Amino acid sequence: MAWSWRYEGANGESVDGPAESFGSQADAESWIGQSWRELAASGVTSVALLEDDRVDYRMSLLPVAE
């Protein structure tokens, strides 16, 4: 199984990002934990974690409104 991230912009459209592939979900999540600030600064507003072609979950990179 290969894990990867799909990058999305403000309107949910796909945007370019690093073409990383990971051997485990934990490795993919560790990488996004280290990289999300740079991705957000480049216009990525949300990401989807993919296991092969299946979306495992989505999450926002935007700050939580208080």
PDB file of N, CA and C in Angstrom:
ATOM      1  N   MET A   1       0.836  -1.175   0.000  1.00  0.00           N
ATOM      2  CA  MET A   1       0.000   0.000   0.000  1.00  0.00           C
ATOM      3  C   MET A   1       0.885   1.243   0.000  1.00  0.00           C
ATOM      4  N   ALA A   2       0.543   2.186  -0.833  1.00  0.00           N
ATOM      5  CA  ALA A   2       1.265   3.452  -0.881  1.00  0.00           C
ATOM      6  C   ALA A   2       0.362   4.562  -0.347  1.00  0.00           C
ATOM      7  N   TRP A   3       0.934   5.410   0.441  1.00  0.00           N
ATOM      8  CA  TRP A   3       0.226   6.546   1.024  1.00  0.00           C
ATOM      9  C   TRP A   3       0.774   7.818   0.415  1.00  0.00           C
ATOM     10  N   SER A   4      -0.111   8.778   0.136  1.00  0.00           N
ATOM     11  CA  SER A   4       0.317  10.059  -0.428  1.00  0.00           C
ATOM     12  C   SER A   4      -0.703  11.124  -0.056  1.00  0.00           C
ATOM     13  N   TRP A   5      -0.335  12.379  -0.312  1.00  0.00           N
ATOM     14  CA  TRP A   5      -1.217  13.506  -0.035  1.00  0.00           C
ATOM     15  C   TRP A   5      -1.681  14.135  -1.331  1.00  0.00           C
ATOM     16  N   ARG A   6      -2.943  14.521  -1.386  1.00  0.00           N
ATOM     17  CA  ARG A   6      -3.466  15.340  -2.480  1.00  0.00           C
ATOM     18  C   ARG A   6      -3.670  16.738  -1.903  1.00  0.00           C
ATOM     19  N   TYR A   7      -3.240  17.730  -2.642  1.00  0.00           N
ATOM     20  CA  TYR A   7      -3.268  19.118  -2.182  1.00  0.00           C
ATOM     21  C   TYR A   7      -4.429  19.850  -2.840  1.00  0.00           C
ATOM     22  N   GLU A   8      -5.153  20.658  -2.052  1.00  0.00           N
ATOM     23  CA  GLU A   8      -6.336  21.355  -2.552  1.00  0.00           C
ATOM     24  C   GLU A   8      -6.259  22.833  -2.211  1.00  0.00           C
ATOM     25  N   GLY A   9      -6.795  23.658  -3.116  1.00  0.00           N
ATOM     26  CA  GLY A   9      -6.847  25.099  -2.918  1.00  0.00           C
ATOM     27  C   GLY A   9      -8.149  25.527  -2.269  1.00  0.00           C
ATOM     28  N   ALA A  10      -8.352  26.828  -2.220  1.00  0.00           N
ATOM     29  CA  ALA A  10      -9.497  27.413  -1.513  1.00  0.00           C
ATOM     30  C   ALA A  10     -10.846  26.938  -2.041  1.00  0.00           C
ATOM     31  N   ASN A  11     -10.946  26.639  -3.323  1.00  0.00           N
ATOM     32  CA  ASN A  11     -12.217  26.196  -3.909  1.00  0.00           C
ATOM     33  C   ASN A  11     -12.303  24.679  -4.038  1.00  0.00           C
ATOM     34  N   GLY A  12     -11.392  23.967  -3.389  1.00  0.00           N
ATOM     35  CA  GLY A  12     -11.389  22.511  -3.451  1.00  0.00           C
ATOM     36  C   GLY A  12     -10.705  21.943  -4.682  1.00  0.00           C
ATOM     37  N   GLU A  13     -10.167  22.836  -5.533  1.00  0.00           N
ATOM     38  CA  GLU A  13      -9.485  22.367  -6.735  1.00  0.00           C
ATOM     39  C   GLU A  13      -8.114  21.784  -6.370  1.00  0.00           C
ATOM     40  N   SER A  14      -7.647  20.845  -7.151  1.00  0.00           N
ATOM     41  CA  SER A  14      -6.316  20.278  -6.945  1.00  0.00           C
ATOM     42  C   SER A  14      -5.267  21.326  -7.271  1.00  0.00           C
ATOM     43  N   VAL A  15      -4.247  21.394  -6.434  1.00  0.00           N
ATOM     44  CA  VAL A  15      -3.117  22.281  -6.671  1.00  0.00           C
ATOM     45  C   VAL A  15      -1.842  21.460  -6.604  1.00  0.00           C
ATOM     46  N   ASP A  16      -0.799  21.983  -7.222  1.00  0.00           N
ATOM     47  CA  ASP A  16       0.478  21.279  -7.234  1.00  0.00           C
ATOM     48  C   ASP A  16       1.114  21.284  -5.858  1.00  0.00           C
ATOM     49  N   GLY A  17       1.800  20.203  -5.567  1.00  0.00           N
ATOM     50  CA  GLY A  17       2.552  20.072  -4.320  1.00  0.00           C
ATOM     51  C   GLY A  17       3.582  18.982  -4.478  1.00  0.00           C
ATOM     52  N   PRO A  18       4.370  18.741  -3.457  1.00  0.00           N
ATOM     53  CA  PRO A  18       5.405  17.719  -3.533  1.00  0.00           C
ATOM     54  C   PRO A  18       4.820  16.339  -3.836  1.00  0.00           C
ATOM     55  N   ALA A  19       5.434  15.613  -4.736  1.00  0.00           N
ATOM     56  CA  ALA A  19       4.980  14.267  -5.112  1.00  0.00           C
ATOM     57  C   ALA A  19       5.658  13.242  -4.210  1.00  0.00           C
ATOM     58  N   GLU A  20       5.265  13.234  -2.949  1.00  0.00           N
ATOM     59  CA  GLU A  20       5.837  12.318  -1.972  1.00  0.00           C
ATOM     60  C   GLU A  20       4.987  11.056  -1.882  1.00  0.00           C
ATOM     61  N   SER A  21       5.639   9.926  -1.633  1.00  0.00           N
ATOM     62  CA  SER A  21       4.946   8.661  -1.425  1.00  0.00           C
ATOM     63  C   SER A  21       5.541   8.022  -0.173  1.00  0.00           C
ATOM     64  N   PHE A  22       4.687   7.394   0.637  1.00  0.00           N
ATOM     65  CA  PHE A  22       5.113   6.873   1.931  1.00  0.00           C
ATOM     66  C   PHE A  22       4.694   5.417   2.081  1.00  0.00           C
ATOM     67  N   GLY A  23       5.466   4.667   2.840  1.00  0.00           N
ATOM     68  CA  GLY A  23       5.184   3.257   3.058  1.00  0.00           C
ATOM     69  C   GLY A  23       4.145   2.995   4.125  1.00  0.00           C
ATOM     70  N   SER A  24       3.854   4.012   4.940  1.00  0.00           N
ATOM     71  CA  SER A  24       2.862   3.829   6.002  1.00  0.00           C
ATOM     72  C   SER A  24       2.098   5.123   6.236  1.00  0.00           C
ATOM     73  N   GLN A  25       0.944   4.990   6.841  1.00  0.00           N
ATOM     74  CA  GLN A  25       0.139   6.151   7.195  1.00  0.00           C
ATOM     75  C   GLN A  25       0.898   7.021   8.191  1.00  0.00           C
ATOM     76  N   ALA A  26       1.566   6.397   9.147  1.00  0.00           N
ATOM     77  CA  ALA A  26       2.316   7.147  10.155  1.00  0.00           C
ATOM     78  C   ALA A  26       3.402   8.003   9.519  1.00  0.00           C
ATOM     79  N   ASP A  27       4.108   7.460   8.535  1.00  0.00           N
ATOM     80  CA  ASP A  27       5.148   8.234   7.845  1.00  0.00           C
ATOM     81  C   ASP A  27       4.546   9.426   7.113  1.00  0.00           C
ATOM     82  N   ALA A  28       3.411   9.218   6.454  1.00  0.00           N
ATOM     83  CA  ALA A  28       2.742  10.308   5.734  1.00  0.00           C
ATOM     84  C   ALA A  28       2.287  11.393   6.709  1.00  0.00           C
ATOM     85  N   GLU A  29       1.725  10.994   7.830  1.00  0.00           N
ATOM     86  CA  GLU A  29       1.247  11.964   8.813  1.00  0.00           C
ATOM     87  C   GLU A  29       2.398  12.707   9.477  1.00  0.00           C
ATOM     88  N   SER A  30       3.500  12.035   9.706  1.00  0.00           N
ATOM     89  CA  SER A  30       4.678  12.699  10.262  1.00  0.00           C
ATOM     90  C   SER A  30       5.196  13.762   9.296  1.00  0.00           C
ATOM     91  N   TRP A  31       5.240  13.416   8.015  1.00  0.00           N
ATOM     92  CA  TRP A  31       5.724  14.351   6.997  1.00  0.00           C
ATOM     93  C   TRP A  31       4.822  15.585   6.918  1.00  0.00           C
ATOM     94  N   ILE A  32       3.497  15.390   6.911  1.00  0.00           N
ATOM     95  CA  ILE A  32       2.595  16.548   6.802  1.00  0.00           C
ATOM     96  C   ILE A  32       2.717  17.414   8.052  1.00  0.00           C
ATOM     97  N   GLY A  33       2.976  16.801   9.195  1.00  0.00           N
ATOM     98  CA  GLY A  33       3.172  17.555  10.426  1.00  0.00           C
ATOM     99  C   GLY A  33       4.377  18.485  10.354  1.00  0.00           C
ATOM    100  N   GLN A  34       5.373  18.100   9.577  1.00  0.00           N
ATOM    101  CA  GLN A  34       6.568  18.921   9.414  1.00  0.00           C
ATOM    102  C   GLN A  34       6.453  19.900   8.247  1.00  0.00           C
ATOM    103  N   SER A  35       5.550  19.645   7.305  1.00  0.00           N
ATOM    104  CA  SER A  35       5.509  20.395   6.048  1.00  0.00           C
ATOM    105  C   SER A  35       4.297  21.299   5.877  1.00  0.00           C
ATOM    106  N   TRP A  36       3.314  21.211   6.748  1.00  0.00           N
ATOM    107  CA  TRP A  36       2.046  21.905   6.492  1.00  0.00           C
ATOM    108  C   TRP A  36       2.198  23.411   6.420  1.00  0.00           C
ATOM    109  N   ARG A  37       3.095  24.003   7.178  1.00  0.00           N
ATOM    110  CA  ARG A  37       3.245  25.467   7.148  1.00  0.00           C
ATOM    111  C   ARG A  37       3.709  25.951   5.772  1.00  0.00           C
ATOM    112  N   GLU A  38       4.676  25.257   5.197  1.00  0.00           N
ATOM    113  CA  GLU A  38       5.166  25.620   3.869  1.00  0.00           C
ATOM    114  C   GLU A  38       4.083  25.419   2.816  1.00  0.00           C
ATOM    115  N   LEU A  39       3.318  24.337   2.944  1.00  0.00           N
ATOM    116  CA  LEU A  39       2.228  24.087   2.007  1.00  0.00           C
ATOM    117  C   LEU A  39       1.171  25.183   2.102  1.00  0.00           C
ATOM    118  N   ALA A  40       0.792  25.547   3.324  1.00  0.00           N
ATOM    119  CA  ALA A  40      -0.210  26.600   3.524  1.00  0.00           C
ATOM    120  C   ALA A  40       0.290  27.925   2.955  1.00  0.00           C
ATOM    121  N   ALA A  41       1.570  28.220   3.137  1.00  0.00           N
ATOM    122  CA  ALA A  41       2.140  29.464   2.617  1.00  0.00           C
ATOM    123  C   ALA A  41       2.131  29.494   1.093  1.00  0.00           C
ATOM    124  N   SER A  42       2.130  28.319   0.461  1.00  0.00           N
ATOM    125  CA  SER A  42       2.124  28.255  -1.004  1.00  0.00           C
ATOM    126  C   SER A  42       0.714  28.196  -1.587  1.00  0.00           C
ATOM    127  N   GLY A  43      -0.332  28.301  -0.740  1.00  0.00           N
ATOM    128  CA  GLY A  43      -1.704  28.345  -1.233  1.00  0.00           C
ATOM    129  C   GLY A  43      -2.513  27.083  -1.038  1.00  0.00           C
ATOM    130  N   VAL A  44      -1.927  26.055  -0.438  1.00  0.00           N
ATOM    131  CA  VAL A  44      -2.685  24.829  -0.146  1.00  0.00           C
ATOM    132  C   VAL A  44      -3.551  25.104   1.081  1.00  0.00           C
ATOM    133  N   THR A  45      -4.858  24.904   0.964  1.00  0.00           N
ATOM    134  CA  THR A  45      -5.751  25.167   2.096  1.00  0.00           C
ATOM    135  C   THR A  45      -6.233  23.892   2.779  1.00  0.00           C
ATOM    136  N   SER A  46      -6.163  22.760   2.057  1.00  0.00           N
ATOM    137  CA  SER A  46      -6.523  21.480   2.663  1.00  0.00           C
ATOM    138  C   SER A  46      -5.777  20.362   1.950  1.00  0.00           C
ATOM    139  N   VAL A  47      -5.722  19.218   2.622  1.00  0.00           N
ATOM    140  CA  VAL A  47      -5.064  18.049   2.054  1.00  0.00           C
ATOM    141  C   VAL A  47      -5.952  16.831   2.249  1.00  0.00           C
ATOM    142  N   ALA A  48      -5.775  15.848   1.393  1.00  0.00           N
ATOM    143  CA  ALA A  48      -6.470  14.565   1.528  1.00  0.00           C
ATOM    144  C   ALA A  48      -5.412  13.473   1.572  1.00  0.00           C
ATOM    145  N   LEU A  49      -5.504  12.606   2.556  1.00  0.00           N
ATOM    146  CA  LEU A  49      -4.587  11.476   2.663  1.00  0.00           C
ATOM    147  C   LEU A  49      -5.141  10.330   1.832  1.00  0.00           C
ATOM    148  N   LEU A  50      -4.335   9.857   0.896  1.00  0.00           N
ATOM    149  CA  LEU A  50      -4.748   8.775   0.009  1.00  0.00           C
ATOM    150  C   LEU A  50      -3.990   7.495   0.329  1.00  0.00           C
ATOM    151  N   GLU A  51      -4.713   6.392   0.380  1.00  0.00           N
ATOM    152  CA  GLU A  51      -4.109   5.066   0.407  1.00  0.00           C
ATOM    153  C   GLU A  51      -4.371   4.490  -0.972  1.00  0.00           C
ATOM    154  N   ASP A  52      -3.314   4.422  -1.779  1.00  0.00           N
ATOM    155  CA  ASP A  52      -3.448   4.131  -3.202  1.00  0.00           C
ATOM    156  C   ASP A  52      -4.389   5.179  -3.802  1.00  0.00           C
ATOM    157  N   ASP A  53      -5.579   4.809  -4.270  1.00  0.00           N
ATOM    158  CA  ASP A  53      -6.516   5.782  -4.847  1.00  0.00           C
ATOM    159  C   ASP A  53      -7.677   6.123  -3.919  1.00  0.00           C
ATOM    160  N   ARG A  54      -7.724   5.524  -2.741  1.00  0.00           N
ATOM    161  CA  ARG A  54      -8.825   5.725  -1.791  1.00  0.00           C
ATOM    162  C   ARG A  54      -8.498   6.869  -0.835  1.00  0.00           C
ATOM    163  N   VAL A  55      -9.446   7.811  -0.672  1.00  0.00           N
ATOM    164  CA  VAL A  55      -9.272   8.900   0.287  1.00  0.00           C
ATOM    165  C   VAL A  55      -9.536   8.356   1.684  1.00  0.00           C
ATOM    166  N   ASP A  56      -8.529   8.428   2.551  1.00  0.00           N
ATOM    167  CA  ASP A  56      -8.688   7.993   3.938  1.00  0.00           C
ATOM    168  C   ASP A  56      -9.352   9.100   4.753  1.00  0.00           C
ATOM    169  N   TYR A  57      -8.852  10.337   4.622  1.00  0.00           N
ATOM    170  CA  TYR A  57      -9.486  11.486   5.263  1.00  0.00           C
ATOM    171  C   TYR A  57      -8.959  12.777   4.651  1.00  0.00           C
ATOM    172  N   ARG A  58      -9.662  13.868   4.930  1.00  0.00           N
ATOM    173  CA  ARG A  58      -9.261  15.220   4.522  1.00  0.00           C
ATOM    174  C   ARG A  58      -9.056  16.054   5.779  1.00  0.00           C
ATOM    175  N   MET A  59      -8.201  17.079   5.645  1.00  0.00           N
ATOM    176  CA  MET A  59      -8.063  18.031   6.741  1.00  0.00           C
ATOM    177  C   MET A  59      -7.643  19.388   6.219  1.00  0.00           C
ATOM    178  N   SER A  60      -8.088  20.398   6.925  1.00  0.00           N
ATOM    179  CA  SER A  60      -7.789  21.776   6.575  1.00  0.00           C
ATOM    180  C   SER A  60      -6.404  22.151   7.089  1.00  0.00           C
ATOM    181  N   LEU A  61      -5.752  23.046   6.360  1.00  0.00           N
ATOM    182  CA  LEU A  61      -4.497  23.622   6.825  1.00  0.00           C
ATOM    183  C   LEU A  61      -4.695  25.057   7.306  1.00  0.00           C
ATOM    184  N   LEU A  62      -5.940  25.509   7.305  1.00  0.00           N
ATOM    185  CA  LEU A  62      -6.263  26.864   7.726  1.00  0.00           C
ATOM    186  C   LEU A  62      -6.358  26.946   9.249  1.00  0.00           C
ATOM    187  N   PRO A  63      -6.018  28.102   9.829  1.00  0.00           N
ATOM    188  CA  PRO A  63      -6.149  28.237  11.278  1.00  0.00           C
ATOM    189  C   PRO A  63      -7.616  28.177  11.699  1.00  0.00           C
ATOM    190  N   VAL A  64      -7.842  27.694  12.886  1.00  0.00           N
ATOM    191  CA  VAL A  64      -9.191  27.598  13.444  1.00  0.00           C
ATOM    192  C   VAL A  64      -9.624  28.993  13.878  1.00  0.00           C
ATOM    193  N   ALA A  65     -10.817  29.403  13.477  1.00  0.00           N
ATOM    194  CA  ALA A  65     -11.362  30.698  13.896  1.00  0.00           C
ATOM    195  C   ALA A  65     -11.786  30.628  15.350  1.00  0.00           C
ATOM    196  N   GLU A  66     -11.462  31.654  16.090  1.00  0.00           N
ATOM    197  CA  GLU A  66     -11.835  31.659  17.527  1.00  0.00           C
ATOM    198  C   GLU A  66     -13.070  32.467  17.753  1.00  0.00           C
TER     199      GLU A  66
END
